[in-house]
Protein backbone atom coordinates (compact mmCIF):
# COMPACT_ATOMS: atom_id res chain seq x y z
CA MET A 1 -134.44 -126.99 200.13
CA ARG A 2 -132.26 -125.15 202.60
CA ALA A 3 -134.35 -122.57 203.69
CA LEU A 4 -137.49 -124.82 204.55
CA SER A 5 -134.96 -127.34 206.39
CA ARG A 6 -134.70 -124.43 209.04
CA LEU A 7 -138.46 -125.13 209.79
CA ALA A 8 -137.37 -128.62 211.13
CA LEU A 9 -139.02 -127.08 214.38
CA ALA A 10 -136.51 -127.64 216.94
CA GLY A 11 -134.49 -130.73 215.16
CA SER A 12 -136.97 -132.67 213.17
CA THR A 13 -134.90 -134.23 210.50
CA ALA A 14 -137.50 -135.53 208.20
CA LEU A 15 -138.99 -131.97 207.14
CA VAL A 16 -138.26 -130.50 203.84
CA ALA A 17 -134.89 -128.72 203.01
CA CYS A 18 -135.50 -126.02 200.46
CA ASN A 19 -133.53 -122.66 199.32
CA ALA A 20 -134.88 -119.30 197.87
CA ILE A 21 -137.24 -117.58 195.48
CA VAL A 22 -136.57 -115.08 192.97
CA GLY A 23 -139.96 -113.30 192.10
CA PHE A 24 -141.71 -114.48 188.94
CA GLY A 25 -144.98 -113.57 187.52
CA ASP A 26 -147.91 -111.17 188.97
CA LEU A 27 -151.02 -113.55 188.22
CA GLU A 28 -152.79 -113.55 191.38
CA ARG A 29 -156.15 -114.76 190.44
CA VAL A 30 -156.20 -118.72 190.73
CA THR A 31 -159.92 -119.66 190.43
CA GLY A 32 -159.62 -120.89 186.59
CA ALA A 33 -157.54 -123.67 185.84
CA THR A 34 -156.83 -122.56 182.25
CA GLU A 35 -156.33 -118.94 182.94
CA ARG A 36 -153.36 -117.03 181.71
CA PRO A 37 -152.02 -113.62 182.47
CA GLY A 38 -154.52 -111.17 181.30
CA ASP A 39 -157.24 -113.55 181.03
CA ASP A 40 -160.00 -112.70 183.52
CA SER A 41 -162.33 -115.37 182.45
CA GLY A 42 -163.49 -118.13 184.71
CA ASP A 43 -166.39 -118.80 187.09
CA GLU A 44 -166.50 -116.67 190.42
CA PRO A 45 -165.82 -118.54 193.40
CA PRO A 46 -169.01 -119.39 195.57
CA GLU A 47 -169.63 -116.86 198.45
CA ARG A 48 -168.50 -117.78 201.83
CA ASP A 49 -170.95 -118.91 204.28
CA ALA A 50 -170.62 -116.86 207.54
CA THR A 51 -173.01 -119.11 209.32
CA PRO A 52 -171.58 -121.76 211.72
CA ALA A 53 -171.96 -125.08 210.81
CA GLY A 54 -170.09 -126.89 213.41
CA ASP A 55 -168.18 -130.41 212.33
CA ALA A 56 -171.21 -131.83 211.09
CA PRO A 57 -170.70 -134.35 208.16
CA SER A 58 -170.83 -132.93 204.80
CA PRO A 59 -174.17 -134.67 203.49
CA ASP A 60 -172.69 -135.31 199.93
CA VAL A 61 -169.32 -136.70 201.00
CA THR A 62 -169.34 -139.41 203.68
CA ASN A 63 -167.74 -142.33 202.12
CA GLY A 64 -170.48 -144.40 204.01
CA ASP A 65 -168.71 -144.00 207.67
CA ALA A 66 -170.71 -141.82 209.95
CA CYS A 67 -168.79 -140.72 213.04
CA ASP A 68 -169.56 -138.77 216.03
CA PRO A 69 -168.01 -135.40 215.35
CA THR A 70 -168.20 -134.46 219.15
CA ARG A 71 -165.94 -137.41 220.00
CA PRO A 72 -162.06 -136.86 219.81
CA PHE A 73 -159.97 -138.63 217.00
CA GLY A 74 -158.35 -141.99 217.79
CA THR A 75 -154.78 -142.91 217.70
CA PRO A 76 -152.85 -142.18 214.49
CA VAL A 77 -152.20 -144.94 212.34
CA ALA A 78 -149.44 -144.74 209.64
CA LEU A 79 -150.62 -144.94 205.97
CA GLU A 80 -149.44 -148.01 204.41
CA ALA A 81 -146.53 -148.65 201.72
CA PRO A 82 -145.99 -147.42 199.14
CA VAL A 83 -147.02 -143.91 200.25
CA ASN A 84 -144.92 -144.04 203.34
CA SER A 85 -141.44 -145.15 202.87
CA THR A 86 -137.99 -145.09 204.53
CA SER A 87 -137.48 -141.62 202.66
CA GLY A 88 -139.59 -139.41 204.96
CA GLU A 89 -143.11 -138.15 203.81
CA GLN A 90 -145.38 -135.12 204.94
CA SER A 91 -147.99 -132.78 203.92
CA ALA A 92 -150.68 -135.17 202.67
CA THR A 93 -153.74 -133.24 201.10
CA LEU A 94 -156.53 -135.11 199.40
CA THR A 95 -159.59 -135.02 197.21
CA ALA A 96 -163.07 -134.62 199.03
CA ASP A 97 -163.36 -138.70 198.06
CA GLU A 98 -160.41 -139.42 199.72
CA LEU A 99 -159.30 -141.55 196.58
CA THR A 100 -156.54 -139.11 195.43
CA ILE A 101 -153.51 -138.17 197.67
CA VAL A 102 -150.71 -135.46 197.02
CA PHE A 103 -147.86 -135.28 199.51
CA SER A 104 -144.10 -134.52 199.55
CA ARG A 105 -141.34 -137.05 200.06
CA ARG A 106 -137.56 -136.46 200.96
CA VAL A 107 -135.11 -136.92 198.01
CA ASP A 108 -132.18 -135.99 199.49
CA LEU A 109 -130.90 -133.73 202.22
CA PHE A 110 -131.79 -130.72 200.53
CA ASN A 111 -134.68 -131.45 198.30
CA GLU A 112 -138.08 -133.12 198.14
CA SER A 113 -140.53 -134.48 195.27
CA ILE A 114 -144.41 -133.67 195.18
CA LEU A 115 -146.08 -136.96 194.48
CA ILE A 116 -149.53 -137.94 193.53
CA ALA A 117 -151.31 -141.43 194.15
CA THR A 118 -154.71 -142.74 193.97
CA ARG A 119 -156.86 -145.97 195.16
CA PRO A 120 -160.31 -147.48 193.90
CA SER A 121 -161.66 -146.98 197.54
CA ARG A 122 -161.28 -145.65 200.89
CA LYS A 123 -160.82 -148.92 202.12
CA ASP A 124 -157.67 -150.01 199.85
CA ALA A 125 -154.35 -148.86 200.05
CA PHE A 126 -153.10 -146.42 197.63
CA ALA A 127 -151.31 -147.41 194.35
CA ALA A 128 -147.65 -146.61 194.00
CA PRO A 129 -147.19 -142.78 193.91
CA THR A 130 -145.82 -140.83 190.70
CA PRO A 131 -143.98 -137.45 190.81
CA ILE A 132 -145.95 -134.39 189.84
CA ASP A 133 -143.89 -133.06 186.99
CA GLY A 134 -143.61 -129.59 185.46
CA LEU A 135 -144.09 -127.44 188.87
CA THR A 136 -140.56 -125.63 188.18
CA GLN A 137 -141.32 -125.26 184.53
CA GLY A 138 -140.32 -121.48 183.56
CA LEU A 139 -139.84 -120.66 186.89
CA PRO A 140 -136.56 -119.76 188.91
CA ILE A 141 -137.37 -122.48 191.56
CA GLU A 142 -134.63 -124.85 192.37
CA ALA A 143 -136.85 -127.18 194.85
CA VAL A 144 -140.71 -127.60 195.68
CA GLY A 145 -142.45 -129.35 198.40
CA VAL A 146 -145.10 -129.12 201.01
CA PRO A 147 -148.32 -129.21 198.76
CA ALA A 148 -151.83 -128.12 199.93
CA MET A 149 -154.74 -128.96 197.38
CA THR A 150 -158.43 -127.89 197.29
CA SER A 151 -160.77 -130.76 197.61
CA ASP A 152 -161.80 -130.74 194.07
CA GLY A 153 -158.34 -131.76 193.23
CA LEU A 154 -158.20 -128.64 190.66
CA MET A 155 -155.70 -126.23 192.22
CA LEU A 156 -152.31 -127.24 193.99
CA PHE A 157 -150.42 -124.74 196.28
CA PHE A 158 -146.85 -125.51 197.16
CA THR A 159 -143.79 -124.07 198.42
CA GLY A 160 -141.01 -123.19 195.82
CA GLU A 161 -137.56 -122.21 196.54
CA SER A 162 -134.19 -120.90 195.44
CA GLY A 163 -131.16 -120.07 197.47
CA ASP A 164 -132.15 -119.26 201.21
CA ASP A 165 -135.55 -117.88 200.32
CA ALA A 166 -139.06 -119.51 199.55
CA ASP A 167 -142.58 -118.34 198.50
CA ILE A 168 -146.05 -120.06 197.79
CA TYR A 169 -146.79 -120.86 194.23
CA VAL A 170 -149.90 -122.47 192.77
CA ALA A 171 -150.47 -124.81 189.56
CA SER A 172 -154.01 -125.77 188.35
CA ARG A 173 -156.03 -128.06 186.06
CA ALA A 174 -159.34 -127.96 184.56
CA VAL A 175 -160.13 -131.71 185.33
CA THR A 176 -158.76 -134.40 187.62
CA SER A 177 -157.53 -136.35 184.65
CA ALA A 178 -155.18 -133.36 183.46
CA PRO A 179 -151.84 -132.67 184.85
CA PHE A 180 -151.09 -129.76 187.26
CA ALA A 181 -149.92 -126.96 184.75
CA ASP A 182 -149.36 -123.14 184.74
CA PRO A 183 -147.09 -122.97 187.95
CA ARG A 184 -147.00 -119.39 189.27
CA ARG A 185 -145.59 -117.22 192.29
CA LEU A 186 -148.60 -115.95 194.21
CA THR A 187 -146.72 -112.32 194.51
CA ARG A 188 -149.15 -110.93 196.86
CA LEU A 189 -148.25 -113.33 199.43
CA ALA A 190 -144.59 -112.90 199.09
CA SER A 191 -142.02 -111.24 201.17
CA PRO A 192 -138.36 -111.14 201.40
CA GLN A 193 -138.61 -113.72 203.95
CA VAL A 194 -139.50 -117.50 203.85
CA GLU A 195 -142.93 -118.42 203.22
CA ALA A 196 -143.86 -122.14 203.23
CA TYR A 197 -146.27 -124.75 204.26
CA PRO A 198 -149.48 -123.66 202.50
CA ALA A 199 -152.78 -124.94 203.99
CA VAL A 200 -156.10 -124.06 201.86
CA MET A 201 -159.79 -124.70 203.24
CA HIS A 202 -161.61 -127.29 201.27
CA ASP A 203 -163.22 -124.79 198.88
CA GLY A 204 -160.16 -122.49 198.44
CA ALA A 205 -161.84 -119.56 200.51
CA GLU A 206 -158.75 -118.88 202.61
CA LEU A 207 -155.23 -119.71 202.05
CA TRP A 208 -152.99 -119.97 205.22
CA PHE A 209 -149.16 -120.35 205.34
CA THR A 210 -146.17 -119.70 207.62
CA SER A 211 -143.74 -117.10 207.32
CA GLU A 212 -140.78 -115.41 208.91
CA ARG A 213 -141.80 -111.90 207.73
CA LEU A 214 -141.99 -110.61 211.54
CA GLY A 215 -138.29 -110.93 211.64
CA GLY A 216 -135.78 -113.77 212.70
CA ILE A 217 -136.25 -117.32 211.97
CA THR A 218 -139.58 -117.76 214.09
CA ARG A 219 -142.49 -118.57 211.90
CA HIS A 220 -146.04 -117.51 212.49
CA LEU A 221 -149.36 -118.30 210.59
CA PHE A 222 -150.66 -115.78 208.11
CA ARG A 223 -154.02 -115.79 206.29
CA SER A 224 -155.28 -114.88 202.74
CA VAL A 225 -158.48 -114.55 202.01
CA ARG A 226 -159.99 -115.06 198.49
CA ASP A 227 -162.03 -112.10 197.17
CA ALA A 228 -165.34 -112.09 195.03
CA ILE A 229 -163.38 -112.22 192.06
CA GLY A 230 -160.76 -115.08 192.90
CA ASN A 231 -157.79 -113.13 193.94
CA TYR A 232 -156.04 -113.95 197.20
CA ASP A 233 -155.87 -110.75 199.04
CA THR A 234 -152.79 -109.49 200.96
CA PRO A 235 -152.06 -111.81 203.94
CA THR A 236 -152.61 -111.00 207.55
CA LEU A 237 -151.25 -112.35 210.80
CA VAL A 238 -153.34 -114.68 212.39
CA SER A 239 -152.54 -113.03 215.72
CA GLU A 240 -154.57 -114.79 218.01
CA LEU A 241 -152.88 -118.03 217.48
CA ARG A 242 -149.43 -116.23 217.52
CA SER A 243 -146.72 -117.45 220.29
CA SER A 244 -143.01 -116.84 220.66
CA ASN A 245 -142.40 -120.51 218.94
CA ASN A 246 -142.60 -121.80 215.48
CA GLU A 247 -145.87 -122.83 213.96
CA ALA A 248 -146.50 -124.78 210.91
CA GLY A 249 -149.13 -127.48 209.36
CA VAL A 250 -152.72 -126.51 209.22
CA ALA A 251 -155.67 -128.69 208.76
CA PHE A 252 -159.29 -127.15 208.52
CA SER A 253 -162.65 -128.55 209.47
CA PRO A 254 -165.19 -128.89 206.64
CA ASP A 255 -166.91 -125.31 207.55
CA GLY A 256 -163.63 -123.86 208.32
CA LEU A 257 -164.42 -122.81 211.93
CA THR A 258 -161.95 -125.23 213.57
CA ALA A 259 -158.24 -125.14 212.53
CA TYR A 260 -155.78 -128.08 213.72
CA PHE A 261 -151.94 -126.70 213.38
CA GLY A 262 -148.53 -127.74 214.69
CA SER A 263 -146.74 -125.35 217.15
CA GLN A 264 -143.57 -125.80 219.41
CA ARG A 265 -145.34 -123.62 222.14
CA PRO A 266 -145.14 -124.67 225.77
CA GLY A 267 -147.53 -127.15 227.09
CA GLY A 268 -146.91 -129.91 224.35
CA LEU A 269 -145.46 -133.29 224.50
CA GLY A 270 -142.48 -133.07 222.44
CA ASP A 271 -141.12 -131.03 219.38
CA SER A 272 -143.93 -129.73 217.41
CA ASP A 273 -147.22 -130.69 218.78
CA VAL A 274 -150.96 -130.52 217.37
CA TRP A 275 -153.07 -127.78 218.70
CA VAL A 276 -156.72 -126.79 217.86
CA ALA A 277 -158.70 -123.53 217.90
CA LYS A 278 -162.36 -122.62 216.88
CA ARG A 279 -164.17 -119.68 215.89
CA ALA A 280 -167.76 -118.56 215.83
CA SER A 281 -167.54 -117.62 211.93
CA LEU A 282 -165.40 -117.11 208.88
CA GLN A 283 -165.30 -113.47 209.85
CA ALA A 284 -164.51 -114.04 213.53
CA SER A 285 -161.23 -114.61 215.42
CA PHE A 286 -160.30 -118.00 216.61
CA GLY A 287 -160.48 -118.75 220.51
CA ALA A 288 -157.58 -119.66 222.67
CA PRO A 289 -155.91 -122.87 221.22
CA THR A 290 -155.85 -126.18 223.06
CA HIS A 291 -153.40 -128.83 223.10
CA VAL A 292 -154.48 -132.08 221.33
CA PRO A 293 -152.48 -134.90 223.20
CA GLY A 294 -154.16 -137.60 221.19
CA LEU A 295 -152.63 -136.57 218.09
CA SER A 296 -149.48 -135.48 219.39
CA SER A 297 -146.42 -137.16 220.44
CA ALA A 298 -142.96 -136.76 221.91
CA GLY A 299 -141.76 -135.99 217.99
CA ALA A 300 -142.73 -133.53 215.61
CA ASP A 301 -146.54 -133.59 214.46
CA PHE A 302 -147.94 -131.70 211.80
CA PRO A 303 -151.68 -131.85 210.73
CA SER A 304 -152.27 -131.24 207.06
CA TRP A 305 -155.80 -132.46 206.30
CA VAL A 306 -159.46 -133.07 207.70
CA SER A 307 -161.97 -135.09 205.56
CA PRO A 308 -165.19 -133.33 204.38
CA ASP A 309 -167.26 -135.43 206.58
CA GLY A 310 -164.99 -134.11 209.59
CA CYS A 311 -164.23 -137.99 210.42
CA ARG A 312 -160.72 -138.27 209.63
CA ILE A 313 -157.45 -135.99 210.15
CA TYR A 314 -154.22 -136.80 208.31
CA LEU A 315 -150.93 -135.74 209.78
CA ALA A 316 -147.30 -136.11 209.45
CA SER A 317 -145.09 -137.35 212.25
CA ASP A 318 -141.73 -138.72 212.91
CA ARG A 319 -143.03 -140.65 216.32
CA ALA A 320 -142.01 -143.88 214.69
CA GLY A 321 -138.39 -142.91 213.91
CA SER A 322 -138.85 -141.20 210.43
CA MET A 323 -141.55 -138.59 209.11
CA ASP A 324 -144.56 -140.48 207.69
CA ILE A 325 -148.05 -139.86 207.03
CA PHE A 326 -150.62 -140.90 209.62
CA VAL A 327 -154.45 -140.82 209.83
CA ALA A 328 -156.57 -140.75 212.68
CA SER A 329 -160.61 -141.33 212.95
CA ARG A 330 -163.42 -140.34 214.88
CA PRO A 331 -165.61 -143.36 216.34
């Protein structure tokens, strides 16, 4: 994945290496797992709640471990093998119960594989991961990587690459026991430049990604909001979070009002650090971002997922020498 390897923000060698993408498909509606072009069936997504809810734990998914949402996250701890390996892992995204994890692993210098693993409880280690096959089926994609999944486990967004271009794709399934299928390019999100590192709110209401479409090879965060019939609208720059440096990797709080993201902007500890910004409602702009030193290191750090109870954040970091997946918890 040569195009994505340029996102190794100032030299992080464990990030994806991808290529480029030729456009394919015009299907934008992504709410129905079994939909096909021309099929407008499927339930409409829930209305977005514009009322701030803070970082309070979700009442239906707490995993039995309450935390203080006002406290900072503790020191990140690397996930056990076999999720982490010597190959390099990143972009962890989980189901709401945290029993299924999807992530990408380096295969070679220019390729990654998207893997899935499960565990019987959150206290257990994940079983050996297996590749998610079929994500390039019927598409002119040479490589895939950096996934993002809705918390119900039914929609999987990922970067697909061919040559020196990359775009955001989606695959879906009707139930979590089924394989992901019907991979397709989200054409409204595409541009002639690189789009990568998708990040999705827990309910799929907003889809974020990083793009070079402003010119050069600097990547900025863009946001696409899902409309009432399930289409993702034309993306807009998240201008209030823009810097003159690269941004990549986003993790949303349960209510979508807090965004953790990776950035190379000045004021950090190293390559790409973790920053956080908040907004008063889903319709409001984010306030000025602040650095999160407890989640950052002298290496490259990229947040990817926050648990529905707000108690844990997953991130990728090369602080130990190779890119691995870490989790940090609130007390």
